[in-house]
Amino acid sequence: MPTFDLYGFAETDLSAVSQAVEGVLGVEFARRDNPHMGGEFFATRPGPGNEHFVLRRNHDPGTDGPAEGDFAKYPTLLYVNCTGRSEEVRARLQSLDGPPEHLRQGPLRR
């Protein structure tokens, strides 16, 4: 069953995190800009099963607070959407220098 996962990084440099994640997961991020997502963010094209990744700052410009309030201490968030390989992704991310914290997992709501 496809799930979503949320990871938090202590690193504040989105470009550095995107390059590191690309290297361990073999995905390619494209830089995007959306004021509703706090400005600059990175996203992948959907892959098998519509799996895709979104890397963004933990900032909600609408409230001027964190986008994920329960995880305010993490300035950078990685959303792993529609994945059927949560354990593999988690293991690969843990190989990074300064690995992210796995914050949440849940079934995909359709």
Protein backbone atom coordinates (compact mmCIF):
# COMPACT_ATOMS: atom_id res chain seq x y z
CA MET A 1 0.00 0.00 0.00
CA PRO A 2 1.46 3.40 -0.93
CA THR A 3 2.37 5.64 1.97
CA PHE A 4 3.75 9.07 2.65
CA ASP A 5 6.71 9.85 4.87
CA LEU A 6 7.96 13.10 6.33
CA TYR A 7 11.59 13.75 7.24
CA GLY A 8 13.16 16.71 9.01
CA PHE A 9 16.67 18.00 8.37
CA ALA A 10 18.72 20.23 10.67
CA GLU A 11 20.47 21.66 7.57
CA THR A 12 19.07 25.00 6.36
CA ASP A 13 20.61 25.02 2.85
CA LEU A 14 17.94 23.59 0.53
CA SER A 15 20.35 23.24 -2.38
CA ALA A 16 22.82 21.24 -0.29
CA VAL A 17 20.07 18.95 1.00
CA SER A 18 18.65 18.46 -2.50
CA GLN A 19 22.05 17.43 -3.86
CA ALA A 20 22.62 15.01 -0.98
CA VAL A 21 19.17 13.42 -1.35
CA GLU A 22 19.59 13.15 -5.13
CA GLY A 23 22.84 11.29 -4.57
CA VAL A 24 21.49 8.65 -2.20
CA LEU A 25 18.06 8.16 -3.77
CA GLY A 26 18.94 8.52 -7.45
CA VAL A 27 16.22 11.11 -8.03
CA GLU A 28 16.46 14.49 -9.74
CA PHE A 29 15.01 17.58 -8.11
CA ALA A 30 13.92 20.65 -10.04
CA ARG A 31 14.00 24.04 -8.34
CA ARG A 32 10.59 25.67 -8.13
CA ASP A 33 9.18 28.80 -6.58
CA ASN A 34 5.77 29.18 -4.98
CA PRO A 35 4.88 31.87 -2.45
CA HIS A 36 2.34 29.53 -0.81
CA MET A 37 5.14 27.03 -0.10
CA GLY A 38 7.44 29.61 1.45
CA GLY A 39 9.22 30.54 -1.78
CA GLU A 40 11.93 28.30 -3.16
CA PHE A 41 11.41 24.54 -2.97
CA PHE A 42 12.51 21.45 -4.87
CA ALA A 43 10.35 18.69 -6.35
CA THR A 44 10.80 15.59 -8.46
CA ARG A 45 8.67 14.44 -11.35
CA PRO A 46 6.34 11.59 -10.44
CA GLY A 47 7.97 8.17 -10.79
CA PRO A 48 6.58 4.63 -10.65
CA GLY A 49 3.28 4.53 -8.78
CA ASN A 50 3.25 8.36 -8.80
CA GLU A 51 6.06 8.43 -6.18
CA HIS A 52 7.43 11.94 -5.81
CA PHE A 53 9.51 13.99 -3.40
CA VAL A 54 9.12 17.58 -2.20
CA LEU A 55 11.87 19.38 -0.31
CA ARG A 56 10.96 22.70 1.29
CA ARG A 57 11.56 25.05 4.16
CA ASN A 58 9.47 24.48 7.26
CA HIS A 59 7.81 27.86 6.92
CA ASP A 60 4.19 28.78 6.22
CA PRO A 61 4.07 32.33 4.85
CA GLY A 62 0.34 32.53 5.57
CA THR A 63 0.87 32.25 9.31
CA ASP A 64 4.55 33.25 9.40
CA GLY A 65 5.10 30.10 11.46
CA PRO A 66 6.25 26.57 10.73
CA ALA A 67 4.48 24.60 8.01
CA GLU A 68 4.72 21.57 10.29
CA GLY A 69 4.17 23.03 13.76
CA ASP A 70 4.79 19.76 15.57
CA PHE A 71 8.26 19.70 14.04
CA ALA A 72 9.26 23.36 14.29
CA LYS A 73 12.86 22.53 15.22
CA TYR A 74 13.53 21.20 11.70
CA PRO A 75 14.13 24.03 9.21
CA THR A 76 14.04 21.73 6.16
CA LEU A 77 11.39 19.12 5.36
CA LEU A 78 11.35 16.26 2.89
CA TYR A 79 7.97 14.83 1.90
CA VAL A 80 8.07 11.38 0.29
CA ASN A 81 4.71 10.88 -1.39
CA CYS A 82 3.05 7.79 -2.88
CA THR A 83 5.94 5.49 -2.08
CA GLY A 84 5.88 1.75 -1.89
CA ARG A 85 9.46 1.63 -0.64
CA SER A 86 9.45 3.50 2.66
CA GLU A 87 11.99 1.24 4.34
CA GLU A 88 14.43 1.48 1.42
CA VAL A 89 14.15 5.27 1.28
CA ARG A 90 14.62 5.53 5.05
CA ALA A 91 17.73 3.32 4.97
CA ARG A 92 19.28 5.33 2.14
CA LEU A 93 18.57 8.65 3.84
CA GLN A 94 20.19 7.39 7.04
CA SER A 95 23.47 6.99 5.12
CA LEU A 96 23.72 10.78 4.71
CA ASP A 97 26.06 12.91 6.79
CA GLY A 98 23.66 14.62 9.18
CA PRO A 99 20.84 12.19 8.40
CA PRO A 100 17.27 13.41 8.68
CA GLU A 101 14.85 12.47 11.42
CA HIS A 102 11.90 10.35 10.30
CA LEU A 103 8.98 12.38 11.62
CA ARG A 104 5.80 10.78 10.35
CA GLN A 105 4.43 8.01 8.16
CA GLY A 106 0.92 7.28 7.11
CA PRO A 107 -1.25 5.59 4.53
CA LEU A 108 -2.03 7.55 1.43
CA ARG A 109 -5.50 9.04 1.54
CA ARG A 110 -7.36 8.91 -1.74
